[in-house]
C-alpha atoms as a PDB file:
ATOM      1  CA  MET A   1     -12.565  21.787  -4.446  1.00  0.00           C
ATOM      2  CA  SER A   2     -15.524  19.997  -2.898  1.00  0.00           C
ATOM      3  CA  ILE A   3     -15.261  16.683  -1.061  1.00  0.00           C
ATOM      4  CA  LYS A   4     -16.982  15.061  -4.037  1.00  0.00           C
ATOM      5  CA  ASP A   5     -14.420  16.511  -6.469  1.00  0.00           C
ATOM      6  CA  ASN A   6     -11.538  15.482  -4.200  1.00  0.00           C
ATOM      7  CA  LEU A   7     -12.877  11.928  -4.029  1.00  0.00           C
ATOM      8  CA  HIS A   8     -13.244  11.655  -7.787  1.00  0.00           C
ATOM      9  CA  THR A   9      -9.715  13.017  -8.298  1.00  0.00           C
ATOM     10  CA  ILE A  10      -8.194  10.533  -5.852  1.00  0.00           C
ATOM     11  CA  LYS A  11     -10.164   7.558  -7.185  1.00  0.00           C
ATOM     12  CA  LYS A  12      -8.659   8.229 -10.611  1.00  0.00           C
ATOM     13  CA  THR A  13      -5.191   7.678  -9.096  1.00  0.00           C
ATOM     14  CA  ILE A  14      -6.074   4.459  -7.263  1.00  0.00           C
ATOM     15  CA  SER A  15      -5.737   1.054  -8.893  1.00  0.00           C
ATOM     16  CA  GLU A  16      -8.862  -1.078  -9.259  1.00  0.00           C
ATOM     17  CA  ASN A  17      -7.599  -3.684  -6.813  1.00  0.00           C
ATOM     18  CA  VAL A  18      -6.919  -1.111  -4.056  1.00  0.00           C
ATOM     19  CA  THR A  19      -9.570  -0.265  -1.437  1.00  0.00           C
ATOM     20  CA  LEU A  20      -9.926   3.391  -0.422  1.00  0.00           C
ATOM     21  CA  VAL A  21     -10.629   4.080   3.248  1.00  0.00           C
ATOM     22  CA  ALA A  22     -11.768   7.698   3.661  1.00  0.00           C
ATOM     23  CA  VAL A  23     -10.276   8.848   6.958  1.00  0.00           C
ATOM     24  CA  SER A  24     -13.119  10.833   8.497  1.00  0.00           C
ATOM     25  CA  LYS A  25     -11.839  11.210  12.070  1.00  0.00           C
ATOM     26  CA  THR A  26     -12.768  14.556  13.678  1.00  0.00           C
ATOM     27  CA  LYS A  27     -14.922  15.440  10.646  1.00  0.00           C
ATOM     28  CA  PRO A  28     -18.598  16.374  11.075  1.00  0.00           C
ATOM     29  CA  ASN A  29     -21.350  14.069   9.808  1.00  0.00           C
ATOM     30  CA  SER A  30     -22.156  16.547   7.038  1.00  0.00           C
ATOM     31  CA  ASP A  31     -18.725  15.921   5.486  1.00  0.00           C
ATOM     32  CA  LEU A  32     -19.246  12.161   5.630  1.00  0.00           C
ATOM     33  CA  VAL A  33     -22.695  12.511   4.043  1.00  0.00           C
ATOM     34  CA  GLU A  34     -21.135  14.485   1.175  1.00  0.00           C
ATOM     35  CA  ALA A  35     -18.571  11.714   0.623  1.00  0.00           C
ATOM     36  CA  TYR A  36     -21.312   9.078   0.979  1.00  0.00           C
ATOM     37  CA  GLU A  37     -23.424  10.801  -1.661  1.00  0.00           C
ATOM     38  CA  ALA A  38     -20.359  10.778  -3.938  1.00  0.00           C
ATOM     39  CA  GLY A  39     -20.280   6.983  -3.601  1.00  0.00           C
ATOM     40  CA  GLN A  40     -17.857   6.426  -0.708  1.00  0.00           C
ATOM     41  CA  ARG A  41     -18.919   3.635   1.675  1.00  0.00           C
ATOM     42  CA  ILE A  42     -15.765   2.905   3.703  1.00  0.00           C
ATOM     43  CA  PHE A  43     -14.795   5.330   6.453  1.00  0.00           C
ATOM     44  CA  GLY A  44     -11.916   5.207   8.942  1.00  0.00           C
ATOM     45  CA  GLU A  45     -12.078   6.592  12.471  1.00  0.00           C
ATOM     46  CA  ASN A  46      -9.491   6.641  15.243  1.00  0.00           C
ATOM     47  CA  LYS A  47     -11.677   7.135  18.330  1.00  0.00           C
ATOM     48  CA  VAL A  48     -14.179   4.454  19.275  1.00  0.00           C
ATOM     49  CA  GLN A  49     -16.752   6.790  20.871  1.00  0.00           C
ATOM     50  CA  GLU A  50     -16.783   9.130  17.877  1.00  0.00           C
ATOM     51  CA  MET A  51     -17.071   6.207  15.454  1.00  0.00           C
ATOM     52  CA  THR A  52     -19.937   4.676  17.444  1.00  0.00           C
ATOM     53  CA  GLN A  53     -21.855   7.952  17.416  1.00  0.00           C
ATOM     54  CA  LYS A  54     -21.406   8.218  13.658  1.00  0.00           C
ATOM     55  CA  TRP A  55     -22.465   4.582  13.206  1.00  0.00           C
ATOM     56  CA  GLU A  56     -25.685   5.367  15.093  1.00  0.00           C
ATOM     57  CA  ASP A  57     -26.352   8.557  13.106  1.00  0.00           C
ATOM     58  CA  LEU A  58     -25.369   7.642   9.544  1.00  0.00           C
ATOM     59  CA  PRO A  59     -26.564   5.129   6.879  1.00  0.00           C
ATOM     60  CA  LYS A  60     -26.255   1.497   7.842  1.00  0.00           C
ATOM     61  CA  ASP A  61     -24.499   0.369   4.647  1.00  0.00           C
ATOM     62  CA  ILE A  62     -21.315   2.189   5.691  1.00  0.00           C
ATOM     63  CA  GLU A  63     -18.324  -0.004   6.560  1.00  0.00           C
ATOM     64  CA  TRP A  64     -16.609   1.392   9.660  1.00  0.00           C
ATOM     65  CA  HIS A  65     -12.872   0.820   9.966  1.00  0.00           C
ATOM     66  CA  MET A  66     -11.080   1.457  13.251  1.00  0.00           C
ATOM     67  CA  ILE A  67      -7.721   2.834  12.160  1.00  0.00           C
ATOM     68  CA  GLY A  68      -6.364   4.269  15.414  1.00  0.00           C
ATOM     69  CA  HIS A  69      -4.543   2.703  18.330  1.00  0.00           C
ATOM     70  CA  VAL A  70      -7.084   0.579  20.212  1.00  0.00           C
ATOM     71  CA  GLN A  71      -7.261   0.246  23.984  1.00  0.00           C
ATOM     72  CA  THR A  72      -8.624  -3.122  25.122  1.00  0.00           C
ATOM     73  CA  ASN A  73     -11.287  -1.497  27.323  1.00  0.00           C
ATOM     74  CA  LYS A  74     -12.825   0.245  24.280  1.00  0.00           C
ATOM     75  CA  VAL A  75     -13.321  -2.859  22.115  1.00  0.00           C
ATOM     76  CA  LYS A  76     -16.758  -3.638  23.614  1.00  0.00           C
ATOM     77  CA  TYR A  77     -18.219  -0.385  22.269  1.00  0.00           C
ATOM     78  CA  MET A  78     -17.545  -1.256  18.620  1.00  0.00           C
ATOM     79  CA  ALA A  79     -17.767  -5.063  18.620  1.00  0.00           C
ATOM     80  CA  GLU A  80     -21.361  -5.007  17.392  1.00  0.00           C
ATOM     81  CA  TYR A  81     -20.668  -3.215  14.131  1.00  0.00           C
ATOM     82  CA  VAL A  82     -16.991  -2.574  13.298  1.00  0.00           C
ATOM     83  CA  HIS A  83     -16.072  -3.927   9.860  1.00  0.00           C
ATOM     84  CA  LEU A  84     -12.269  -4.029  10.176  1.00  0.00           C
ATOM     85  CA  ILE A  85      -9.823  -3.173  12.972  1.00  0.00           C
ATOM     86  CA  HIS A  86      -6.555  -1.957  11.437  1.00  0.00           C
ATOM     87  CA  GLY A  87      -4.172  -1.471  14.322  1.00  0.00           C
ATOM     88  CA  VAL A  88      -3.977  -4.735  16.264  1.00  0.00           C
ATOM     89  CA  ASP A  89      -0.549  -4.627  17.866  1.00  0.00           C
ATOM     90  CA  SER A  90      -0.702  -7.291  20.592  1.00  0.00           C
ATOM     91  CA  PHE A  91      -2.054 -10.766  21.256  1.00  0.00           C
ATOM     92  CA  LYS A  92      -3.813  -9.357  24.327  1.00  0.00           C
ATOM     93  CA  LEU A  93      -5.848  -7.071  22.066  1.00  0.00           C
ATOM     94  CA  LEU A  94      -6.675  -9.940  19.676  1.00  0.00           C
ATOM     95  CA  LYS A  95      -7.983 -11.958  22.636  1.00  0.00           C
ATOM     96  CA  GLU A  96     -10.198  -9.076  23.777  1.00  0.00           C
ATOM     97  CA  ILE A  97     -11.598  -8.554  20.261  1.00  0.00           C
ATOM     98  CA  ASN A  98     -12.349 -12.285  20.118  1.00  0.00           C
ATOM     99  CA  LYS A  99     -14.117 -12.148  23.497  1.00  0.00           C
ATOM    100  CA  GLN A 100     -16.288  -9.169  22.551  1.00  0.00           C
ATOM    101  CA  ALA A 101     -17.063 -10.507  19.059  1.00  0.00           C
ATOM    102  CA  LYS A 102     -18.310 -13.733  20.606  1.00  0.00           C
ATOM    103  CA  LYS A 103     -21.017 -11.779  22.499  1.00  0.00           C
ATOM    104  CA  TYR A 104     -22.487 -10.715  19.135  1.00  0.00           C
ATOM    105  CA  ASP A 105     -21.811 -14.071  17.477  1.00  0.00           C
ATOM    106  CA  ARG A 106     -19.552 -12.279  15.013  1.00  0.00           C
ATOM    107  CA  ILE A 107     -16.147 -12.905  13.471  1.00  0.00           C
ATOM    108  CA  ILE A 108     -14.333  -9.551  13.388  1.00  0.00           C
ATOM    109  CA  PRO A 109     -11.648  -9.124  10.711  1.00  0.00           C
ATOM    110  CA  CYS A 110      -8.407  -7.582  11.990  1.00  0.00           C
ATOM    111  CA  LEU A 111      -5.130  -6.366  10.554  1.00  0.00           C
ATOM    112  CA  LEU A 112      -1.953  -6.963  12.523  1.00  0.00           C
ATOM    113  CA  GLN A 113       0.015  -3.727  12.754  1.00  0.00           C
ATOM    114  CA  ILE A 114       3.708  -4.070  11.967  1.00  0.00           C
ATOM    115  CA  HIS A 115       6.228  -1.480  13.167  1.00  0.00           C
ATOM    116  CA  ILE A 116       8.134  -0.466  10.033  1.00  0.00           C
ATOM    117  CA  ALA A 117       8.934   3.214  10.674  1.00  0.00           C
ATOM    118  CA  LYS A 118      12.211   4.557  12.022  1.00  0.00           C
ATOM    119  CA  GLU A 119      10.190   6.354  14.693  1.00  0.00           C
ATOM    120  CA  ASP A 120       9.420   5.258  18.246  1.00  0.00           C
ATOM    121  CA  THR A 121       6.024   6.983  18.221  1.00  0.00           C
ATOM    122  CA  LYS A 122       4.434   4.348  15.990  1.00  0.00           C
ATOM    123  CA  PHE A 123       2.921   1.181  17.424  1.00  0.00           C
ATOM    124  CA  GLY A 124       3.245  -2.319  16.043  1.00  0.00           C
ATOM    125  CA  LEU A 125       4.638  -5.828  16.202  1.00  0.00           C
ATOM    126  CA  ASP A 126       8.084  -6.778  14.977  1.00  0.00           C
ATOM    127  CA  GLU A 127       8.701  -9.723  12.642  1.00  0.00           C
ATOM    128  CA  THR A 128       9.422 -12.178  15.472  1.00  0.00           C
ATOM    129  CA  GLU A 129       6.275 -11.245  17.395  1.00  0.00           C
ATOM    130  CA  LEU A 130       4.156 -11.541  14.241  1.00  0.00           C
ATOM    131  CA  PHE A 131       5.230 -15.100  13.468  1.00  0.00           C
ATOM    132  CA  GLU A 132       5.105 -16.156  17.119  1.00  0.00           C
ATOM    133  CA  ILE A 133       1.445 -15.116  17.230  1.00  0.00           C
ATOM    134  CA  LEU A 134       0.554 -16.824  13.939  1.00  0.00           C
ATOM    135  CA  ALA A 135       2.228 -20.072  15.049  1.00  0.00           C
ATOM    136  CA  SER A 136       0.753 -20.198  18.563  1.00  0.00           C
ATOM    137  CA  ASP A 137      -1.989 -22.599  19.653  1.00  0.00           C
ATOM    138  CA  ASP A 138      -3.600 -19.774  21.645  1.00  0.00           C
ATOM    139  CA  PHE A 139      -4.040 -17.833  18.417  1.00  0.00           C
ATOM    140  CA  LYS A 140      -5.469 -20.817  16.566  1.00  0.00           C
ATOM    141  CA  ALA A 141      -8.054 -21.238  19.356  1.00  0.00           C
ATOM    142  CA  LEU A 142      -9.587 -17.796  18.693  1.00  0.00           C
ATOM    143  CA  GLN A 143     -12.855 -18.484  16.852  1.00  0.00           C
ATOM    144  CA  HIS A 144     -14.270 -14.959  16.628  1.00  0.00           C
ATOM    145  CA  ILE A 145     -11.486 -13.023  14.930  1.00  0.00           C
ATOM    146  CA  GLU A 146      -9.978 -13.346  11.490  1.00  0.00           C
ATOM    147  CA  VAL A 147      -6.549 -11.994  10.702  1.00  0.00           C
ATOM    148  CA  ALA A 148      -7.343 -10.525   7.297  1.00  0.00           C
ATOM    149  CA  GLY A 149      -3.963  -8.939   6.659  1.00  0.00           C
ATOM    150  CA  LEU A 150      -1.188  -6.635   7.796  1.00  0.00           C
ATOM    151  CA  MET A 151      -0.951  -2.879   8.240  1.00  0.00           C
ATOM    152  CA  GLY A 152       1.956  -0.508   8.673  1.00  0.00           C
ATOM    153  CA  MET A 153       2.813   3.185   8.607  1.00  0.00           C
ATOM    154  CA  ALA A 154       6.018   4.451   7.072  1.00  0.00           C
ATOM    155  CA  THR A 155       8.249   7.077   8.647  1.00  0.00           C
ATOM    156  CA  PHE A 156       6.933  10.621   8.266  1.00  0.00           C
ATOM    157  CA  THR A 157       9.698  11.931   6.011  1.00  0.00           C
ATOM    158  CA  ASP A 158      10.316  13.517   2.617  1.00  0.00           C
ATOM    159  CA  ASN A 159      12.827  10.754   1.867  1.00  0.00           C
ATOM    160  CA  ASP A 160      10.866   8.685  -0.675  1.00  0.00           C
ATOM    161  CA  ALA A 161      13.602   6.040  -0.855  1.00  0.00           C
ATOM    162  CA  GLN A 162      13.271   5.369   2.868  1.00  0.00           C
ATOM    163  CA  VAL A 163       9.461   5.201   2.670  1.00  0.00           C
ATOM    164  CA  ARG A 164       9.691   2.817  -0.296  1.00  0.00           C
ATOM    165  CA  SER A 165      12.172   0.607   1.520  1.00  0.00           C
ATOM    166  CA  GLU A 166       9.875   0.394   4.574  1.00  0.00           C
ATOM    167  CA  PHE A 167       6.900  -0.530   2.392  1.00  0.00           C
ATOM    168  CA  GLN A 168       8.997  -3.160   0.583  1.00  0.00           C
ATOM    169  CA  GLY A 169       9.913  -4.701   3.927  1.00  0.00           C
ATOM    170  CA  LEU A 170       6.257  -4.886   4.919  1.00  0.00           C
ATOM    171  CA  LYS A 171       5.291  -6.415   1.561  1.00  0.00           C
ATOM    172  CA  ASN A 172       7.906  -9.151   2.072  1.00  0.00           C
ATOM    173  CA  LEU A 173       6.504  -9.907   5.539  1.00  0.00           C
ATOM    174  CA  PHE A 174       2.988  -9.919   4.081  1.00  0.00           C
ATOM    175  CA  ASP A 175       3.973 -12.478   1.435  1.00  0.00           C
ATOM    176  CA  THR A 176       5.522 -14.740   4.076  1.00  0.00           C
ATOM    177  CA  ALA A 177       2.549 -14.360   6.441  1.00  0.00           C
ATOM    178  CA  LYS A 178       0.143 -15.111   3.582  1.00  0.00           C
ATOM    179  CA  SER A 179       1.905 -18.408   2.943  1.00  0.00           C
ATOM    180  CA  LYS A 180       1.329 -19.364   6.596  1.00  0.00           C
ATOM    181  CA  LEU A 181      -2.284 -18.175   6.977  1.00  0.00           C
ATOM    182  CA  SER A 182      -4.809 -18.350   4.133  1.00  0.00           C
ATOM    183  CA  THR A 183      -7.095 -15.585   5.503  1.00  0.00           C
ATOM    184  CA  ILE A 184      -4.378 -12.944   4.967  1.00  0.00           C
ATOM    185  CA  LYS A 185      -5.358 -10.947   1.885  1.00  0.00           C
ATOM    186  CA  ILE A 186      -5.171  -7.241   2.812  1.00  0.00           C
ATOM    187  CA  LEU A 187      -1.997  -5.154   2.887  1.00  0.00           C
ATOM    188  CA  SER A 188      -2.967  -1.774   4.309  1.00  0.00           C
ATOM    189  CA  MET A 189      -0.229   0.782   3.770  1.00  0.00           C
ATOM    190  CA  GLY A 190      -0.207   4.297   2.406  1.00  0.00           C
ATOM    191  CA  MET A 191      -1.815   7.567   3.466  1.00  0.00           C
ATOM    192  CA  SER A 192      -2.377  10.940   1.777  1.00  0.00           C
ATOM    193  CA  GLY A 193       1.352  11.706   1.492  1.00  0.00           C
ATOM    194  CA  ASP A 194       2.702   8.329   0.417  1.00  0.00           C
ATOM    195  CA  TYR A 195      -0.131   6.187  -0.966  1.00  0.00           C
ATOM    196  CA  LYS A 196       1.193   6.229  -4.536  1.00  0.00           C
ATOM    197  CA  ILE A 197       4.521   4.728  -3.405  1.00  0.00           C
ATOM    198  CA  ALA A 198       2.579   2.236  -1.235  1.00  0.00           C
ATOM    199  CA  MET A 199       0.502   1.091  -4.229  1.00  0.00           C
ATOM    200  CA  GLU A 200       3.648   0.643  -6.338  1.00  0.00           C
ATOM    201  CA  GLU A 201       4.978  -1.615  -3.560  1.00  0.00           C
ATOM    202  CA  GLY A 202       1.863  -3.788  -3.374  1.00  0.00           C
ATOM    203  CA  SER A 203      -0.611  -2.075  -1.062  1.00  0.00           C
ATOM    204  CA  THR A 204      -4.224  -3.278  -1.411  1.00  0.00           C
ATOM    205  CA  MET A 205      -5.750  -0.683   0.939  1.00  0.00           C
ATOM    206  CA  VAL A 206      -4.955   3.007   1.428  1.00  0.00           C
ATOM    207  CA  ARG A 207      -6.147   5.388   4.147  1.00  0.00           C
ATOM    208  CA  ILE A 208      -6.694   8.923   2.874  1.00  0.00           C
ATOM    209  CA  GLY A 209      -8.090  11.790   4.902  1.00  0.00           C
ATOM    210  CA  SER A 210      -6.781  15.304   4.318  1.00  0.00           C
ATOM    211  CA  SER A 211      -6.716  14.933   0.517  1.00  0.00           C
ATOM    212  CA  ILE A 212     -10.465  14.194   0.637  1.00  0.00           C
ATOM    213  CA  PHE A 213     -11.771  16.273   3.534  1.00  0.00           C
ATOM    214  CA  GLY A 214      -9.157  19.014   3.706  1.00  0.00           C
ATOM    215  CA  SER A 215      -6.594  19.460   6.463  1.00  0.00           C
ATOM    216  CA  ARG A 216      -7.710  19.163  10.072  1.00  0.00           C
END
C-alpha cells in the first residue's frame, strides 16, 4: 500500500472531530511530500533539528507539531514556526517556550503531558503538578504561551482494558482542567496501536506514524 492509500484508509476510521497528526519523524522529505499531496497538512516530529530542516525545505502551509520530549535548550530553534508543542512536562519548559515565543511576538500553543502509563520510561506531570501549575500566578503571567490541552501516552501493552482505563483517567483530568482554563480544548491521546480506543474515550487528536509511513 502507498502512503496515499494508507492515509485514506486511516482517515476513514477517524471521527470528524479528531485531528490526525502524521508522525513523520525519521522519514525522508519524499514521504512527507507524498502524504502532503494526498491532503495531509499536519506532521509530527520528535527532533527539533530534523523538524527545522523539514520546515525550511517543505511547503509553508504545513503545521509542524513537536511530539517528542523537548529539552529547554532546543526551544529557540523552533520558536519561529512550531504550531503545537505536545510534550510539555514541566513549568521550567513552559517558561522557556514563553521566553522564546516572545522574541517572535508569537503565542505558542502547548499541550501539558500527563504521565498515565504504568511505565517509568514515559515523561509527564502528575495530577497534583498539573493543577499546581494551572493555579499559579507565575503561570498566569506567561503571555506568550497558550495551554491548548493535555496529552498522554498509554502503557505499551496488549491489555486493552488497561489502556482504556489510562485513557479514561486522562479524559477525567482533561474535563476538570477544561473547567479551570478556557483555552483547553485538545485531548491528544492515541497512536497507531491504540488510537481507536483513545477516540472511544474522548481523544480529539491522534498521532499516527507507522500505519501511514510503514514501520521505521
